[in-house]
Protein backbone atom coordinates (compact mmCIF):
# COMPACT_ATOMS: atom_id res chain seq x y z
CA MET A 1 88.34 139.90 1.77
CA ASN A 2 88.83 143.53 0.86
CA PHE A 3 86.94 146.35 2.21
CA GLN A 4 84.33 146.63 -0.65
CA GLU A 5 83.53 143.00 -0.23
CA ILE A 6 82.89 143.79 3.45
CA LYS A 7 81.09 146.72 2.80
CA PHE A 8 78.79 144.81 0.42
CA ARG A 9 78.38 141.70 2.79
CA LEU A 10 77.25 144.12 5.62
CA SER A 11 75.05 146.19 3.29
CA LYS A 12 72.54 143.13 3.80
CA LYS A 13 72.66 142.81 7.66
CA ILE A 14 70.31 144.38 10.13
CA VAL A 15 71.67 145.37 13.73
CA GLY A 16 69.48 146.31 16.64
CA ILE A 17 70.79 148.59 18.87
CA ALA A 18 68.80 148.45 22.61
CA GLY A 19 69.93 151.95 24.22
CA CYS A 20 71.24 155.15 22.64
CA GLY A 21 74.24 156.32 25.43
CA GLY A 22 77.83 155.48 25.65
CA LEU A 23 77.93 151.98 24.44
CA GLY A 24 74.88 152.07 21.97
CA SER A 25 75.78 155.56 20.33
CA ASN A 26 79.48 154.42 19.80
CA CYS A 27 78.72 151.09 18.85
CA ALA A 28 76.11 152.13 16.12
CA VAL A 29 78.77 154.96 14.94
CA SER A 30 81.54 152.35 14.40
CA LEU A 31 79.22 150.08 12.53
CA ALA A 32 77.66 153.06 10.66
CA ARG A 33 81.36 153.69 8.87
CA VAL A 34 82.02 150.00 7.79
CA GLY A 35 78.51 149.89 6.23
CA ILE A 36 75.85 148.42 8.14
CA GLY A 37 72.66 147.89 5.88
CA LYS A 38 69.96 148.79 8.64
CA LEU A 39 70.27 149.98 12.24
CA ILE A 40 67.15 149.71 14.67
CA LEU A 41 67.64 152.13 17.35
CA ALA A 42 65.76 152.45 20.56
CA ASP A 43 65.72 154.52 23.43
CA TYR A 44 63.53 157.23 25.48
CA ASP A 45 66.49 159.60 27.33
CA ILE A 46 67.48 162.87 26.52
CA ILE A 47 70.65 164.46 25.95
CA GLU A 48 72.61 166.38 28.66
CA GLU A 49 75.80 168.23 29.39
CA SER A 50 77.15 165.48 31.14
CA ASN A 51 76.59 162.64 28.46
CA LEU A 52 79.08 164.47 26.29
CA ASN A 53 81.58 162.97 28.27
CA ARG A 54 81.15 159.55 26.56
CA GLN A 55 78.29 159.59 24.07
CA TYR A 56 78.55 160.25 20.30
CA PHE A 57 76.57 163.41 20.32
CA PHE A 58 77.46 167.26 19.98
CA TYR A 59 76.89 170.13 22.25
CA ASP A 60 74.34 171.52 19.96
CA GLN A 61 72.15 168.30 20.73
CA ILE A 62 71.81 168.90 24.57
CA GLY A 63 67.84 169.06 24.77
CA LYS A 64 66.98 166.69 21.98
CA GLU A 65 65.86 162.84 22.57
CA LYS A 66 69.35 160.54 22.11
CA VAL A 67 67.40 157.86 19.46
CA PHE A 68 66.68 161.18 17.10
CA ALA A 69 70.23 162.69 17.51
CA LEU A 70 71.80 159.68 17.16
CA LYS A 71 70.36 159.08 13.71
CA GLU A 72 70.91 162.05 12.44
CA ASN A 73 74.45 161.64 13.63
CA ILE A 74 74.62 158.41 11.74
CA LEU A 75 72.89 159.53 8.51
CA ARG A 76 76.10 162.34 8.22
CA ILE A 77 78.53 160.01 8.54
CA ASN A 78 76.69 157.22 5.59
CA PRO A 79 73.48 158.66 4.27
CA ASN A 80 72.84 154.94 2.88
CA ILE A 81 71.93 153.42 5.96
CA ASP A 82 68.13 152.56 6.79
CA VAL A 83 68.11 153.94 10.25
CA GLN A 84 64.82 153.11 12.15
CA ALA A 85 64.58 155.37 15.53
CA HIS A 86 62.14 154.38 18.31
CA LEU A 87 61.72 156.67 20.91
CA VAL A 88 60.54 154.14 23.61
CA LYS A 89 61.38 152.67 26.83
CA LEU A 90 62.23 148.97 26.09
CA ASN A 91 60.73 146.03 27.76
CA SER A 92 60.25 142.44 27.65
CA ASN A 93 56.94 143.01 25.00
CA ASN A 94 58.29 145.66 22.50
CA ILE A 95 61.78 144.45 22.54
CA ILE A 96 60.26 141.33 20.66
CA GLU A 97 58.12 143.55 18.05
CA ILE A 98 61.21 145.86 17.37
CA TYR A 99 63.93 143.47 16.88
CA LYS A 100 62.35 140.65 15.17
CA ASN A 101 63.74 141.34 12.15
CA CYS A 102 67.64 141.72 13.57
CA ASP A 103 70.61 139.55 12.75
CA ILE A 104 72.08 140.33 15.77
CA ILE A 105 71.33 142.88 19.00
CA VAL A 106 73.49 144.69 20.91
CA GLU A 107 72.58 145.76 24.65
CA ALA A 108 73.64 149.04 25.60
CA PHE A 109 71.64 149.69 28.78
CA ASP A 110 73.06 151.46 31.64
CA LYS A 111 71.19 149.43 34.27
CA ALA A 112 71.82 145.91 35.57
CA GLU A 113 67.88 145.29 35.74
CA MET A 114 67.49 146.33 32.03
CA LYS A 115 70.29 144.27 31.31
CA GLU A 116 68.79 140.59 32.76
CA MET A 117 65.31 141.69 31.22
CA ILE A 118 66.72 141.38 27.38
CA VAL A 119 68.98 138.94 28.56
CA GLU A 120 66.23 136.93 29.12
CA THR A 121 63.96 138.22 26.62
CA VAL A 122 66.26 137.44 23.86
CA LEU A 123 67.30 133.92 24.91
CA LYS A 124 63.84 133.01 25.60
CA ASN A 125 62.22 134.50 22.36
CA PHE A 126 64.90 134.62 19.65
CA PRO A 127 67.03 131.47 20.11
CA ASP A 128 68.69 131.91 16.79
CA LYS A 129 69.90 135.45 17.39
CA TYR A 130 72.94 136.68 18.85
CA LEU A 131 73.07 139.13 21.60
CA VAL A 132 76.46 141.02 22.19
CA CYS A 133 76.22 142.66 25.68
CA GLY A 134 78.67 145.18 27.77
CA VAL A 135 79.13 144.86 31.17
CA GLY A 136 82.11 146.22 33.30
CA LEU A 137 83.45 149.61 31.57
CA ALA A 138 83.51 152.02 34.46
CA GLY A 139 86.60 154.00 35.33
CA TYR A 140 89.74 154.69 33.16
CA GLY A 141 92.77 152.37 32.29
CA LYS A 142 92.61 148.62 33.37
CA ASN A 143 92.87 147.41 29.64
CA ASP A 144 94.28 143.84 30.71
CA LEU A 145 90.76 143.20 32.29
CA ILE A 146 88.35 144.02 29.45
CA LYS A 147 87.68 140.78 27.35
CA THR A 148 85.20 138.94 25.51
CA GLU A 149 83.29 136.03 26.86
CA ARG A 150 80.62 133.60 24.80
CA PHE A 151 78.13 131.62 26.57
CA GLY A 152 76.19 130.15 23.07
CA ARG A 153 75.03 133.15 21.51
CA LEU A 154 75.19 135.72 24.75
CA ILE A 155 78.42 137.34 24.25
CA ILE A 156 79.49 139.52 27.11
CA VAL A 157 81.99 141.94 26.24
CA GLY A 158 83.71 144.01 29.48
CA ASP A 159 85.73 143.22 32.74
CA ARG A 160 82.56 142.67 34.30
CA GLN A 161 83.99 143.68 37.45
CA ASN A 162 84.01 147.65 37.09
CA GLU A 163 80.17 148.62 37.24
CA THR A 164 78.96 152.11 37.20
CA CYS A 165 78.99 154.20 40.37
CA GLU A 166 78.79 157.91 41.64
CA ASN A 167 82.81 157.10 42.31
CA ASN A 168 83.33 155.11 39.44
CA PRO A 169 81.65 156.94 36.60
CA PRO A 170 81.53 156.12 32.97
CA ILE A 171 84.59 157.51 30.89
CA ALA A 172 84.96 158.01 27.50
CA PRO A 173 88.27 156.28 26.60
CA ARG A 174 86.65 152.85 28.41
CA VAL A 175 83.21 152.91 27.08
CA CYS A 176 84.26 153.85 23.70
CA ALA A 177 87.20 150.86 24.27
CA VAL A 178 84.30 148.45 25.16
CA SER A 179 81.42 150.01 22.43
CA ASN A 180 84.07 149.34 19.97
CA LEU A 181 84.99 145.85 21.07
CA MET A 182 81.07 145.06 20.72
CA ALA A 183 81.22 146.39 17.23
CA ASN A 184 83.95 144.15 16.19
CA VAL A 185 82.05 140.99 17.59
CA VAL A 186 79.15 141.92 15.45
CA LEU A 187 81.46 142.55 12.55
CA GLU A 188 83.24 138.57 13.29
CA ILE A 189 79.63 137.27 13.58
CA LEU A 190 77.93 138.92 10.56
CA LEU A 191 80.86 138.19 8.21
CA GLY A 192 80.74 134.38 9.07
CA ASP A 193 84.24 134.15 11.30
CA GLU A 194 82.45 133.91 14.36
CA ASN A 195 81.40 130.31 12.89
CA GLU A 196 84.64 129.54 11.73
CA ASN A 197 86.90 130.26 14.91
CA ASN A 198 84.42 128.25 16.93
CA SER A 199 84.18 125.12 14.53
């Protein structure tokens, strides 16, 4: 399949991004570059200078809402994408409404309780949808620990060990590595390779 065929197939797909921080912003940008038809973004946070370490924002966007700044950046890369931005803190109720038309949902939260909440909500209410999660991406190095694990339609990318804390912060190279692996898994599924690999 050549790149034009890939872009054509992806142009008909809808991907939901839950959280627009390090994982979400970089995953969304990678999907925008390959021509995803529609991205549905949701986040409630504001850009801080410390976010520029690992998130796809710029210095002059400090103080803006992440979800709208990310939409702006995506459209600068690919103005043909339909980007739907929701300034909202996601919960088990609004997730269902916001992401009901998505082909795939990408979980990109910082907090473990939010990750648990979206996994439970999606698996219960959307048993036919794939959910791609990032777990274990803090620090630097240790590339060999990063892996992709599949549990039915739940796919986890990361090392599942190095969680973020004060002495083990998220840093751009590892965050971007995991977020791009998540985007790559999304492409596998949307382009049909996921089903072929599991047959």
